[in-house]
Amino acid sequence: MSPFGCLSAETRGRKLAEKPCPVRTAFQLDRDRIVYSNAFRRLKHKTQVFLSPLGDDYRTRLTHTLEVAQMARAMARALFLNEDLTEAIALGHDLGHTPFGHSGETVLKEIFSANFSHNEQSLRVVEMLENNGNGLNLTHEVRDGILKHSKGYGNIIPENSEETACTYEGQIVRIADIMAYLNHDLEDAIRSGVITMNQVPQTCSKILGRTHSQRATTMIRDLISSSKEINGKLRLQISDDMHNAMTQLRQFLYDNVYRSQRVHKDFEKAKKILSELYFYFLENDAMLKKKISELQMGGGNHNRQPKDRMVCDFIASMTDRYAMNLYKNLFFPIPLV
């Protein structure tokens, strides 16, 4: 492994000390805990872009996560970094994502707190909500990478050290996250008919490629070849042409897909569902405790949280279909037989 890689033996440890596993390294153990968690399984029914898609080929939050992990591992391996740490961060980075994708995140910013963010919620999941309110007790490096994997519409490679993961593996996951969603969101948008390939800026197609495989290969190879050692540190970077193409494609997706009329209509529906559920559970303590218990996120430190925080955690933990079914059961009339 490269001297820039993070050795599992040199981890800064866990909040609660544990005896080392005789078989798995600390980062392997973290990866397994994430994969076996309830929150990870729920990702299969959480929106990536298109709400509750019926088509089998559309991405969900789970398949997005797997694509991020694959791209991040490919780059980590080529740069001789710690693949286990990279994979653990990648698999855990979206555990706290809301139902209905970023629509759900926007709703919770409006009704709970303007400071709500899915990356901080992902950290809450692994520190507090999983394991019946006791958390997964992951290593510092994995928790740091999860927290700093995203900054909304921020720079692809952050310049602010406070936004930068403490390991190169964590920094790679942030880049892989952007690479993955630029690539597969474009493909899903074309498949859905929201846009056509001819609408994609020619510069993006020329530099990145016209297919999913071409774009993924181009972006991964560019980071690997552009990154270099400078003054004893590894500088992860992408070429100017690649950065411009990725930035242009991201703006195109925001203007023509994420803010499209079709996606916005679904956002309004999601906002209504989650808002009404949020305020309902603020007023119904018994039902809140029952549902939190059903999701196995109650107990431990979570029971001592303010009620609005508990409701927010509950809403964020829902899958799309769970939210819609719960909304139907609570607010739809039951016809007499």
C-alpha atoms as a PDB file:
ATOM      1  CA  MET A   1       0.000   0.000   0.000  1.00  0.00           C
ATOM      2  CA  SER A   2       1.082   3.554  -0.689  1.00  0.00           C
ATOM      3  CA  PRO A   3       2.479   5.570   2.234  1.00  0.00           C
ATOM      4  CA  PHE A   4      -0.537   7.841   1.707  1.00  0.00           C
ATOM      5  CA  GLY A   5      -2.956   5.003   2.488  1.00  0.00           C
ATOM      6  CA  CYS A   6      -4.581   4.745   5.916  1.00  0.00           C
ATOM      7  CA  LEU A   7      -3.493   1.598   7.730  1.00  0.00           C
ATOM      8  CA  SER A   8      -6.220  -0.070   9.751  1.00  0.00           C
ATOM      9  CA  ALA A   9      -3.684  -0.689  12.495  1.00  0.00           C
ATOM     10  CA  GLU A  10      -3.250   3.078  12.806  1.00  0.00           C
ATOM     11  CA  THR A  11      -6.927   3.951  13.093  1.00  0.00           C
ATOM     12  CA  ARG A  12      -7.814   6.660  15.591  1.00  0.00           C
ATOM     13  CA  GLY A  13     -10.186   4.124  17.044  1.00  0.00           C
ATOM     14  CA  ARG A  14     -13.819   3.941  18.070  1.00  0.00           C
ATOM     15  CA  LYS A  15     -15.798   5.935  20.617  1.00  0.00           C
ATOM     16  CA  LEU A  16     -16.169   2.743  22.646  1.00  0.00           C
ATOM     17  CA  ALA A  17     -13.009   0.649  22.744  1.00  0.00           C
ATOM     18  CA  GLU A  18     -13.327  -2.927  21.494  1.00  0.00           C
ATOM     19  CA  LYS A  19     -11.063  -5.942  21.366  1.00  0.00           C
ATOM     20  CA  PRO A  20      -9.640  -6.364  17.854  1.00  0.00           C
ATOM     21  CA  CYS A  21     -11.292  -8.994  15.677  1.00  0.00           C
ATOM     22  CA  PRO A  22      -8.920 -11.973  15.131  1.00  0.00           C
ATOM     23  CA  VAL A  23     -10.025 -12.309  11.492  1.00  0.00           C
ATOM     24  CA  ARG A  24     -11.023  -8.889  10.130  1.00  0.00           C
ATOM     25  CA  THR A  25      -9.262  -5.533  10.226  1.00  0.00           C
ATOM     26  CA  ALA A  26     -11.026  -2.579  11.843  1.00  0.00           C
ATOM     27  CA  PHE A  27     -12.181  -1.209   8.486  1.00  0.00           C
ATOM     28  CA  GLN A  28     -13.388  -4.617   7.270  1.00  0.00           C
ATOM     29  CA  LEU A  29     -15.437  -4.876  10.444  1.00  0.00           C
ATOM     30  CA  ASP A  30     -16.942  -1.438   9.789  1.00  0.00           C
ATOM     31  CA  ARG A  31     -17.846  -2.427   6.251  1.00  0.00           C
ATOM     32  CA  ASP A  32     -19.616  -5.564   7.471  1.00  0.00           C
ATOM     33  CA  ARG A  33     -21.536  -3.693  10.161  1.00  0.00           C
ATOM     34  CA  ILE A  34     -22.796  -1.249   7.556  1.00  0.00           C
ATOM     35  CA  VAL A  35     -23.855  -3.978   5.104  1.00  0.00           C
ATOM     36  CA  TYR A  36     -25.742  -5.849   7.836  1.00  0.00           C
ATOM     37  CA  SER A  37     -27.521  -2.736   9.123  1.00  0.00           C
ATOM     38  CA  ASN A  38     -31.235  -2.027   8.737  1.00  0.00           C
ATOM     39  CA  ALA A  39     -30.490   1.369   7.218  1.00  0.00           C
ATOM     40  CA  PHE A  40     -28.432  -0.213   4.433  1.00  0.00           C
ATOM     41  CA  ARG A  41     -31.236  -2.601   3.476  1.00  0.00           C
ATOM     42  CA  ARG A  42     -33.737   0.267   3.367  1.00  0.00           C
ATOM     43  CA  LEU A  43     -31.721   1.990   0.642  1.00  0.00           C
ATOM     44  CA  LYS A  44     -33.212  -0.403  -1.916  1.00  0.00           C
ATOM     45  CA  HIS A  45     -36.584   1.352  -1.580  1.00  0.00           C
ATOM     46  CA  LYS A  46     -35.322   4.938  -1.398  1.00  0.00           C
ATOM     47  CA  THR A  47     -35.426   7.270  -4.382  1.00  0.00           C
ATOM     48  CA  GLN A  48     -32.318   8.333  -6.252  1.00  0.00           C
ATOM     49  CA  VAL A  49     -34.009  10.838  -8.609  1.00  0.00           C
ATOM     50  CA  PHE A  50     -37.338   9.426  -9.786  1.00  0.00           C
ATOM     51  CA  LEU A  51     -39.822   8.728  -7.018  1.00  0.00           C
ATOM     52  CA  SER A  52     -40.739   5.068  -6.461  1.00  0.00           C
ATOM     53  CA  PRO A  53     -39.877   3.988 -10.001  1.00  0.00           C
ATOM     54  CA  LEU A  54     -41.730   0.923 -11.244  1.00  0.00           C
ATOM     55  CA  GLY A  55     -39.172   0.233 -13.972  1.00  0.00           C
ATOM     56  CA  ASP A  56     -36.635  -2.355 -12.843  1.00  0.00           C
ATOM     57  CA  ASP A  57     -33.682  -0.582 -14.449  1.00  0.00           C
ATOM     58  CA  TYR A  58     -33.891   2.767 -12.646  1.00  0.00           C
ATOM     59  CA  ARG A  59     -31.389   3.486  -9.914  1.00  0.00           C
ATOM     60  CA  THR A  60     -32.359   3.515  -6.262  1.00  0.00           C
ATOM     61  CA  ARG A  61     -30.315   4.868  -3.392  1.00  0.00           C
ATOM     62  CA  LEU A  62     -28.887   1.360  -2.921  1.00  0.00           C
ATOM     63  CA  THR A  63     -27.704   0.898  -6.491  1.00  0.00           C
ATOM     64  CA  HIS A  64     -26.254   4.414  -6.389  1.00  0.00           C
ATOM     65  CA  THR A  65     -24.337   3.414  -3.267  1.00  0.00           C
ATOM     66  CA  LEU A  66     -22.973   0.292  -4.952  1.00  0.00           C
ATOM     67  CA  GLU A  67     -21.841   2.284  -7.984  1.00  0.00           C
ATOM     68  CA  VAL A  68     -20.075   4.784  -5.736  1.00  0.00           C
ATOM     69  CA  ALA A  69     -18.340   1.928  -3.928  1.00  0.00           C
ATOM     70  CA  GLN A  70     -17.214   0.341  -7.210  1.00  0.00           C
ATOM     71  CA  MET A  71     -15.809   3.588  -8.622  1.00  0.00           C
ATOM     72  CA  ALA A  72     -14.153   4.546  -5.340  1.00  0.00           C
ATOM     73  CA  ARG A  73     -12.531   1.140  -4.952  1.00  0.00           C
ATOM     74  CA  ALA A  74     -11.225   1.229  -8.515  1.00  0.00           C
ATOM     75  CA  MET A  75      -9.509   4.559  -7.868  1.00  0.00           C
ATOM     76  CA  ALA A  76      -8.251   3.520  -4.432  1.00  0.00           C
ATOM     77  CA  ARG A  77      -6.741   0.332  -5.830  1.00  0.00           C
ATOM     78  CA  ALA A  78      -4.972   2.138  -8.658  1.00  0.00           C
ATOM     79  CA  LEU A  79      -3.524   4.661  -6.195  1.00  0.00           C
ATOM     80  CA  PHE A  80      -2.561   1.891  -3.731  1.00  0.00           C
ATOM     81  CA  LEU A  81      -4.792   3.244  -0.954  1.00  0.00           C
ATOM     82  CA  ASN A  82      -6.834   1.262   1.577  1.00  0.00           C
ATOM     83  CA  GLU A  83      -9.686  -0.389  -0.333  1.00  0.00           C
ATOM     84  CA  ASP A  84     -11.443  -1.643   2.798  1.00  0.00           C
ATOM     85  CA  LEU A  85     -11.649   1.840   4.281  1.00  0.00           C
ATOM     86  CA  THR A  86     -12.760   3.282   0.942  1.00  0.00           C
ATOM     87  CA  GLU A  87     -15.509   0.698   0.577  1.00  0.00           C
ATOM     88  CA  ALA A  88     -16.753   1.124   4.148  1.00  0.00           C
ATOM     89  CA  ILE A  89     -17.129   4.890   3.690  1.00  0.00           C
ATOM     90  CA  ALA A  90     -18.791   4.465   0.296  1.00  0.00           C
ATOM     91  CA  LEU A  91     -21.299   1.895   1.510  1.00  0.00           C
ATOM     92  CA  GLY A  92     -22.213   4.045   4.517  1.00  0.00           C
ATOM     93  CA  HIS A  93     -22.233   7.485   2.935  1.00  0.00           C
ATOM     94  CA  ASP A  94     -25.997   7.667   2.235  1.00  0.00           C
ATOM     95  CA  LEU A  95     -27.426   5.654   5.136  1.00  0.00           C
ATOM     96  CA  GLY A  96     -29.187   8.757   6.421  1.00  0.00           C
ATOM     97  CA  HIS A  97     -30.704   9.799   3.126  1.00  0.00           C
ATOM     98  CA  THR A  98     -34.375  10.645   3.278  1.00  0.00           C
ATOM     99  CA  PRO A  99     -37.223   9.014   1.370  1.00  0.00           C
ATOM    100  CA  PHE A 100     -37.980  10.637  -1.996  1.00  0.00           C
ATOM    101  CA  GLY A 101     -34.332  11.580  -2.551  1.00  0.00           C
ATOM    102  CA  HIS A 102     -33.258  15.191  -2.201  1.00  0.00           C
ATOM    103  CA  SER A 103     -36.925  16.200  -2.193  1.00  0.00           C
ATOM    104  CA  GLY A 104     -37.220  14.648   1.254  1.00  0.00           C
ATOM    105  CA  GLU A 105     -34.065  16.400   2.391  1.00  0.00           C
ATOM    106  CA  THR A 106     -35.453  19.745   1.241  1.00  0.00           C
ATOM    107  CA  VAL A 107     -38.722  19.114   3.090  1.00  0.00           C
ATOM    108  CA  LEU A 108     -36.931  18.409   6.369  1.00  0.00           C
ATOM    109  CA  LYS A 109     -34.871  21.566   5.908  1.00  0.00           C
ATOM    110  CA  GLU A 110     -38.142  23.486   5.721  1.00  0.00           C
ATOM    111  CA  ILE A 111     -40.151  21.840   8.505  1.00  0.00           C
ATOM    112  CA  PHE A 112     -37.464  20.652  10.942  1.00  0.00           C
ATOM    113  CA  SER A 113     -34.269  22.661  10.575  1.00  0.00           C
ATOM    114  CA  ALA A 114     -32.515  24.640   7.868  1.00  0.00           C
ATOM    115  CA  ASN A 115     -29.344  22.868   9.006  1.00  0.00           C
ATOM    116  CA  PHE A 116     -30.626  19.378   8.212  1.00  0.00           C
ATOM    117  CA  SER A 117     -28.373  17.525   5.764  1.00  0.00           C
ATOM    118  CA  HIS A 118     -28.307  13.915   4.657  1.00  0.00           C
ATOM    119  CA  ASN A 119     -24.572  13.529   5.334  1.00  0.00           C
ATOM    120  CA  GLU A 120     -24.994  14.581   8.962  1.00  0.00           C
ATOM    121  CA  GLN A 121     -28.036  12.325   9.191  1.00  0.00           C
ATOM    122  CA  SER A 122     -25.941   9.439   7.876  1.00  0.00           C
ATOM    123  CA  LEU A 123     -23.519  10.064  10.725  1.00  0.00           C
ATOM    124  CA  ARG A 124     -26.433  10.021  13.197  1.00  0.00           C
ATOM    125  CA  VAL A 125     -27.515   6.665  11.808  1.00  0.00           C
ATOM    126  CA  VAL A 126     -24.178   4.990  12.472  1.00  0.00           C
ATOM    127  CA  GLU A 127     -23.554   6.772  15.777  1.00  0.00           C
ATOM    128  CA  MET A 128     -27.003   6.659  17.353  1.00  0.00           C
ATOM    129  CA  LEU A 129     -29.944   5.238  15.425  1.00  0.00           C
ATOM    130  CA  GLU A 130     -28.781   1.802  14.329  1.00  0.00           C
ATOM    131  CA  ASN A 131     -28.574  -1.188  16.661  1.00  0.00           C
ATOM    132  CA  ASN A 132     -31.670  -0.186  18.657  1.00  0.00           C
ATOM    133  CA  GLY A 133     -30.368   3.286  19.394  1.00  0.00           C
ATOM    134  CA  ASN A 134     -26.816   2.276  20.263  1.00  0.00           C
ATOM    135  CA  GLY A 135     -25.152   2.889  16.913  1.00  0.00           C
ATOM    136  CA  LEU A 136     -22.566   0.801  15.077  1.00  0.00           C
ATOM    137  CA  ASN A 137     -19.487   2.127  16.907  1.00  0.00           C
ATOM    138  CA  LEU A 138     -17.498   2.642  13.710  1.00  0.00           C
ATOM    139  CA  THR A 139     -13.929   3.891  13.496  1.00  0.00           C
ATOM    140  CA  HIS A 140     -13.156   7.601  13.373  1.00  0.00           C
ATOM    141  CA  GLU A 141     -11.944   7.439   9.767  1.00  0.00           C
ATOM    142  CA  VAL A 142     -15.164   5.883   8.455  1.00  0.00           C
ATOM    143  CA  ARG A 143     -17.376   8.292  10.395  1.00  0.00           C
ATOM    144  CA  ASP A 144     -15.320  11.252   9.159  1.00  0.00           C
ATOM    145  CA  GLY A 145     -15.589  10.078   5.548  1.00  0.00           C
ATOM    146  CA  ILE A 146     -19.355   9.643   5.826  1.00  0.00           C
ATOM    147  CA  LEU A 147     -19.797  13.128   7.266  1.00  0.00           C
ATOM    148  CA  LYS A 148     -17.642  14.861   4.654  1.00  0.00           C
ATOM    149  CA  HIS A 149     -18.720  12.972   1.546  1.00  0.00           C
ATOM    150  CA  SER A 150     -21.003  15.791   0.398  1.00  0.00           C
ATOM    151  CA  LYS A 151     -21.506  19.525   0.573  1.00  0.00           C
ATOM    152  CA  GLY A 152     -24.582  19.962  -1.585  1.00  0.00           C
ATOM    153  CA  TYR A 153     -23.670  21.865  -4.734  1.00  0.00           C
ATOM    154  CA  GLY A 154     -20.147  22.482  -3.460  1.00  0.00           C
ATOM    155  CA  ASN A 155     -16.861  22.026  -5.312  1.00  0.00           C
ATOM    156  CA  ILE A 156     -16.117  18.604  -6.752  1.00  0.00           C
ATOM    157  CA  ILE A 157     -12.797  18.690  -4.901  1.00  0.00           C
ATOM    158  CA  PRO A 158     -13.210  20.986  -1.867  1.00  0.00           C
ATOM    159  CA  GLU A 159     -10.669  23.667  -1.117  1.00  0.00           C
ATOM    160  CA  ASN A 160     -11.849  24.183   2.463  1.00  0.00           C
ATOM    161  CA  SER A 161      -9.968  21.853   4.811  1.00  0.00           C
ATOM    162  CA  GLU A 162     -13.022  21.631   7.083  1.00  0.00           C
ATOM    163  CA  GLU A 163     -14.950  19.999   4.235  1.00  0.00           C
ATOM    164  CA  THR A 164     -12.118  17.616   3.385  1.00  0.00           C
ATOM    165  CA  ALA A 165     -12.037  14.097   4.816  1.00  0.00           C
ATOM    166  CA  CYS A 166      -9.059  13.311   7.022  1.00  0.00           C
ATOM    167  CA  THR A 167      -8.061  10.361   4.807  1.00  0.00           C
ATOM    168  CA  TYR A 168      -7.411  10.162   1.088  1.00  0.00           C
ATOM    169  CA  GLU A 169      -9.856   7.280   1.014  1.00  0.00           C
ATOM    170  CA  GLY A 170     -12.610   9.561   2.298  1.00  0.00           C
ATOM    171  CA  GLN A 171     -11.668  12.216  -0.239  1.00  0.00           C
ATOM    172  CA  ILE A 172     -11.943   9.667  -3.044  1.00  0.00           C
ATOM    173  CA  VAL A 173     -15.456   8.673  -1.952  1.00  0.00           C
ATOM    174  CA  ARG A 174     -16.621  12.282  -2.246  1.00  0.00           C
ATOM    175  CA  ILE A 175     -15.326  12.449  -5.807  1.00  0.00           C
ATOM    176  CA  ALA A 176     -16.743   9.015  -6.656  1.00  0.00           C
ATOM    177  CA  ASP A 177     -20.151  10.071  -5.335  1.00  0.00           C
ATOM    178  CA  ILE A 178     -20.278  12.980  -7.774  1.00  0.00           C
ATOM    179  CA  MET A 179     -18.929  10.890 -10.645  1.00  0.00           C
ATOM    180  CA  ALA A 180     -21.528   8.195 -10.017  1.00  0.00           C
ATOM    181  CA  TYR A 181     -24.605  10.416  -9.851  1.00  0.00           C
ATOM    182  CA  LEU A 182     -23.580  12.537 -12.837  1.00  0.00           C
ATOM    183  CA  ASN A 183     -23.275   9.352 -14.829  1.00  0.00           C
ATOM    184  CA  HIS A 184     -26.288   7.312 -13.786  1.00  0.00           C
ATOM    185  CA  ASP A 185     -28.694  10.229 -13.253  1.00  0.00           C
ATOM    186  CA  LEU A 186     -28.050  11.226 -16.855  1.00  0.00           C
ATOM    187  CA  GLU A 187     -28.726   7.681 -18.039  1.00  0.00           C
ATOM    188  CA  ASP A 188     -31.941   7.392 -15.989  1.00  0.00           C
ATOM    189  CA  ALA A 189     -33.156  10.795 -17.187  1.00  0.00           C
ATOM    190  CA  ILE A 190     -32.712   9.716 -20.803  1.00  0.00           C
ATOM    191  CA  ARG A 191     -34.381   6.366 -20.121  1.00  0.00           C
ATOM    192  CA  SER A 192     -37.362   8.116 -18.536  1.00  0.00           C
ATOM    193  CA  GLY A 193     -37.790  10.526 -21.438  1.00  0.00           C
ATOM    194  CA  VAL A 194     -37.236  13.645 -19.314  1.00  0.00           C
ATOM    195  CA  ILE A 195     -34.364  14.540 -21.647  1.00  0.00           C
ATOM    196  CA  THR A 196     -32.833  13.138 -24.809  1.00  0.00           C
ATOM    197  CA  MET A 197     -29.199  12.429 -25.570  1.00  0.00           C
ATOM    198  CA  ASN A 198     -29.239  15.186 -28.181  1.00  0.00           C
ATOM    199  CA  GLN A 199     -29.933  17.750 -25.441  1.00  0.00           C
ATOM    200  CA  VAL A 200     -26.746  16.916 -23.541  1.00  0.00           C
ATOM    201  CA  PRO A 201     -24.075  19.567 -24.173  1.00  0.00           C
ATOM    202  CA  GLN A 202     -21.777  18.357 -26.939  1.00  0.00           C
ATOM    203  CA  THR A 203     -18.711  19.281 -24.916  1.00  0.00           C
ATOM    204  CA  CYS A 204     -19.772  16.842 -22.182  1.00  0.00           C
ATOM    205  CA  SER A 205     -20.424  14.020 -24.629  1.00  0.00           C
ATOM    206  CA  LYS A 206     -17.143  14.647 -26.426  1.00  0.00           C
ATOM    207  CA  ILE A 207     -14.999  14.650 -23.288  1.00  0.00           C
ATOM    208  CA  LEU A 208     -16.879  12.212 -21.053  1.00  0.00           C
ATOM    209  CA  GLY A 209     -18.379   9.872 -23.634  1.00  0.00           C
ATOM    210  CA  ARG A 210     -21.898   8.968 -24.750  1.00  0.00           C
ATOM    211  CA  THR A 211     -22.462   5.785 -22.725  1.00  0.00           C
ATOM    212  CA  HIS A 212     -22.433   4.923 -19.041  1.00  0.00           C
ATOM    213  CA  SER A 213     -19.345   2.754 -19.478  1.00  0.00           C
ATOM    214  CA  GLN A 214     -17.442   5.392 -21.439  1.00  0.00           C
ATOM    215  CA  ARG A 215     -18.197   8.140 -18.925  1.00  0.00           C
ATOM    216  CA  ALA A 216     -17.284   6.033 -15.877  1.00  0.00           C
ATOM    217  CA  THR A 217     -14.029   4.836 -17.441  1.00  0.00           C
ATOM    218  CA  THR A 218     -13.062   8.336 -18.576  1.00  0.00           C
ATOM    219  CA  MET A 219     -13.669   9.972 -15.194  1.00  0.00           C
ATOM    220  CA  ILE A 220     -11.919   7.245 -13.196  1.00  0.00           C
ATOM    221  CA  ARG A 221      -8.849   7.186 -15.451  1.00  0.00           C
ATOM    222  CA  ASP A 222      -8.608  10.961 -15.440  1.00  0.00           C
ATOM    223  CA  LEU A 223      -8.446  11.183 -11.649  1.00  0.00           C
ATOM    224  CA  ILE A 224      -5.881   8.385 -11.464  1.00  0.00           C
ATOM    225  CA  SER A 225      -3.617   9.937 -14.091  1.00  0.00           C
ATOM    226  CA  SER A 226      -4.036  13.526 -12.838  1.00  0.00           C
ATOM    227  CA  SER A 227      -3.387  12.860  -9.145  1.00  0.00           C
ATOM    228  CA  LYS A 228       0.225  13.255  -8.047  1.00  0.00           C
ATOM    229  CA  GLU A 229       2.535  13.683  -5.105  1.00  0.00           C
ATOM    230  CA  ILE A 230       3.324  17.318  -4.283  1.00  0.00           C
ATOM    231  CA  ASN A 231       5.598  18.284  -1.380  1.00  0.00           C
ATOM    232  CA  GLY A 232       5.205  14.907   0.278  1.00  0.00           C
ATOM    233  CA  LYS A 233       1.402  14.855   0.009  1.00  0.00           C
ATOM    234  CA  LEU A 234      -0.941  13.165  -2.409  1.00  0.00           C
ATOM    235  CA  ARG A 235      -2.914  15.698  -4.445  1.00  0.00           C
ATOM    236  CA  LEU A 236      -6.151  14.182  -5.724  1.00  0.00           C
ATOM    237  CA  GLN A 237      -7.210  16.110  -8.785  1.00  0.00           C
ATOM    238  CA  ILE A 238      -8.832  15.916 -12.180  1.00  0.00           C
ATOM    239  CA  SER A 239      -7.755  17.647 -15.374  1.00  0.00           C
ATOM    240  CA  ASP A 240      -9.153  21.054 -16.299  1.00  0.00           C
ATOM    241  CA  ASP A 241     -11.066  19.646 -19.280  1.00  0.00           C
ATOM    242  CA  MET A 242     -12.605  16.916 -17.118  1.00  0.00           C
ATOM    243  CA  HIS A 243     -13.510  19.367 -14.357  1.00  0.00           C
ATOM    244  CA  ASN A 244     -15.176  21.717 -16.832  1.00  0.00           C
ATOM    245  CA  ALA A 245     -17.121  18.883 -18.456  1.00  0.00           C
ATOM    246  CA  MET A 246     -18.312  17.497 -15.103  1.00  0.00           C
ATOM    247  CA  THR A 247     -19.284  20.958 -13.872  1.00  0.00           C
ATOM    248  CA  GLN A 248     -21.194  21.671 -17.084  1.00  0.00           C
ATOM    249  CA  LEU A 249     -22.975  18.310 -16.920  1.00  0.00           C
ATOM    250  CA  ARG A 250     -23.955  18.880 -13.294  1.00  0.00           C
ATOM    251  CA  GLN A 251     -25.450  22.274 -14.158  1.00  0.00           C
ATOM    252  CA  PHE A 252     -27.287  20.699 -17.106  1.00  0.00           C
ATOM    253  CA  LEU A 253     -28.796  18.027 -14.828  1.00  0.00           C
ATOM    254  CA  TYR A 254     -29.896  20.606 -12.264  1.00  0.00           C
ATOM    255  CA  ASP A 255     -31.536  22.780 -14.914  1.00  0.00           C
ATOM    256  CA  ASN A 256     -33.137  20.055 -17.015  1.00  0.00           C
ATOM    257  CA  VAL A 257     -33.679  17.057 -14.715  1.00  0.00           C
ATOM    258  CA  TYR A 258     -33.653  17.825 -10.991  1.00  0.00           C
ATOM    259  CA  ARG A 259     -35.660  21.034 -11.526  1.00  0.00           C
ATOM    260  CA  SER A 260     -37.767  19.697 -14.396  1.00  0.00           C
ATOM    261  CA  GLN A 261     -41.544  19.959 -14.250  1.00  0.00           C
ATOM    262  CA  ARG A 262     -41.948  16.209 -13.909  1.00  0.00           C
ATOM    263  CA  VAL A 263     -39.547  15.887 -10.984  1.00  0.00           C
ATOM    264  CA  HIS A 264     -40.943  19.064  -9.383  1.00  0.00           C
ATOM    265  CA  LYS A 265     -44.473  17.649  -9.456  1.00  0.00           C
ATOM    266  CA  ASP A 266     -43.267  14.606  -7.557  1.00  0.00           C
ATOM    267  CA  PHE A 267     -41.435  16.879  -5.134  1.00  0.00           C
ATOM    268  CA  GLU A 268     -44.692  18.647  -4.276  1.00  0.00           C
ATOM    269  CA  LYS A 269     -46.357  15.296  -3.618  1.00  0.00           C
ATOM    270  CA  ALA A 270     -43.455  14.141  -1.450  1.00  0.00           C
ATOM    271  CA  LYS A 271     -43.518  17.419   0.454  1.00  0.00           C
ATOM    272  CA  LYS A 272     -47.196  16.969   1.286  1.00  0.00           C
ATOM    273  CA  ILE A 273     -46.714  13.355   2.428  1.00  0.00           C
ATOM    274  CA  LEU A 274     -43.694  13.992   4.641  1.00  0.00           C
ATOM    275  CA  SER A 275     -44.977  17.292   6.060  1.00  0.00           C
ATOM    276  CA  GLU A 276     -48.276  15.795   7.167  1.00  0.00           C
ATOM    277  CA  LEU A 277     -46.572  12.738   8.624  1.00  0.00           C
ATOM    278  CA  TYR A 278     -44.102  14.945  10.488  1.00  0.00           C
ATOM    279  CA  PHE A 279     -46.767  17.066  12.166  1.00  0.00           C
ATOM    280  CA  TYR A 280     -48.970  14.050  12.869  1.00  0.00           C
ATOM    281  CA  PHE A 281     -46.222  12.296  14.833  1.00  0.00           C
ATOM    282  CA  LEU A 282     -45.354  15.454  16.728  1.00  0.00           C
ATOM    283  CA  GLU A 283     -48.837  15.214  18.225  1.00  0.00           C
ATOM    284  CA  ASN A 284     -49.011  11.435  18.730  1.00  0.00           C
ATOM    285  CA  ASP A 285     -46.398  10.215  21.203  1.00  0.00           C
ATOM    286  CA  ALA A 286     -47.667   6.664  21.541  1.00  0.00           C
ATOM    287  CA  MET A 287     -47.777   6.091  17.803  1.00  0.00           C
ATOM    288  CA  LEU A 288     -44.310   7.637  17.401  1.00  0.00           C
ATOM    289  CA  LYS A 289     -42.787   5.302  19.992  1.00  0.00           C
ATOM    290  CA  LYS A 290     -44.501   2.312  18.420  1.00  0.00           C
ATOM    291  CA  LYS A 291     -43.273   3.079  14.917  1.00  0.00           C
ATOM    292  CA  ILE A 292     -39.729   3.897  16.063  1.00  0.00           C
ATOM    293  CA  SER A 293     -39.656   0.572  17.858  1.00  0.00           C
ATOM    294  CA  GLU A 294     -40.830  -1.206  14.699  1.00  0.00           C
ATOM    295  CA  LEU A 295     -37.904   0.286  12.776  1.00  0.00           C
ATOM    296  CA  GLN A 296     -35.545  -0.860  15.565  1.00  0.00           C
ATOM    297  CA  MET A 297     -34.099   2.609  16.058  1.00  0.00           C
ATOM    298  CA  GLY A 298     -35.500   3.303  19.520  1.00  0.00           C
ATOM    299  CA  GLY A 299     -33.811   2.842  22.863  1.00  0.00           C
ATOM    300  CA  GLY A 300     -30.354   3.918  23.952  1.00  0.00           C
ATOM    301  CA  ASN A 301     -29.509   7.601  23.651  1.00  0.00           C
ATOM    302  CA  HIS A 302     -32.222   8.191  21.079  1.00  0.00           C
ATOM    303  CA  ASN A 303     -35.018   8.025  23.656  1.00  0.00           C
ATOM    304  CA  ARG A 304     -33.565  11.099  25.352  1.00  0.00           C
ATOM    305  CA  GLN A 305     -33.693  13.248  22.212  1.00  0.00           C
ATOM    306  CA  PRO A 306     -36.179  16.152  21.793  1.00  0.00           C
ATOM    307  CA  LYS A 307     -39.421  15.043  20.215  1.00  0.00           C
ATOM    308  CA  ASP A 308     -38.949  16.984  16.971  1.00  0.00           C
ATOM    309  CA  ARG A 309     -35.518  15.413  16.576  1.00  0.00           C
ATOM    310  CA  MET A 310     -37.000  11.945  17.080  1.00  0.00           C
ATOM    311  CA  VAL A 311     -39.720  12.625  14.507  1.00  0.00           C
ATOM    312  CA  CYS A 312     -37.127  13.898  12.034  1.00  0.00           C
ATOM    313  CA  ASP A 313     -35.045  10.745  12.526  1.00  0.00           C
ATOM    314  CA  PHE A 314     -38.142   8.627  11.995  1.00  0.00           C
ATOM    315  CA  ILE A 315     -39.126  10.458   8.808  1.00  0.00           C
ATOM    316  CA  ALA A 316     -35.579  10.302   7.412  1.00  0.00           C
ATOM    317  CA  SER A 317     -35.386   6.561   8.093  1.00  0.00           C
ATOM    318  CA  MET A 318     -38.504   5.744   6.055  1.00  0.00           C
ATOM    319  CA  THR A 319     -38.392   4.231   2.601  1.00  0.00           C
ATOM    320  CA  ASP A 320     -40.547   5.709  -0.152  1.00  0.00           C
ATOM    321  CA  ARG A 321     -43.106   2.926   0.006  1.00  0.00           C
ATOM    322  CA  TYR A 322     -43.184   2.897   3.812  1.00  0.00           C
ATOM    323  CA  ALA A 323     -43.967   6.627   3.825  1.00  0.00           C
ATOM    324  CA  MET A 324     -46.687   6.273   1.196  1.00  0.00           C
ATOM    325  CA  ASN A 325     -48.298   3.258   2.888  1.00  0.00           C
ATOM    326  CA  LEU A 326     -48.182   4.936   6.297  1.00  0.00           C
ATOM    327  CA  TYR A 327     -49.693   8.105   4.859  1.00  0.00           C
ATOM    328  CA  LYS A 328     -52.465   6.079   3.234  1.00  0.00           C
ATOM    329  CA  ASN A 329     -53.222   4.188   6.468  1.00  0.00           C
ATOM    330  CA  LEU A 330     -53.312   7.363   8.567  1.00  0.00           C
ATOM    331  CA  PHE A 331     -55.116   9.780   6.272  1.00  0.00           C
ATOM    332  CA  PHE A 332     -57.135   7.803   3.738  1.00  0.00           C
ATOM    333  CA  PRO A 333     -60.690   6.752   4.734  1.00  0.00           C
ATOM    334  CA  ILE A 334     -61.292   3.024   5.160  1.00  0.00           C
ATOM    335  CA  PRO A 335     -64.324   1.977   3.116  1.00  0.00           C
ATOM    336  CA  LEU A 336     -66.943  -0.178   4.784  1.00  0.00           C
ATOM    337  CA  VAL A 337     -67.330  -3.703   3.471  1.00  0.00           C
END
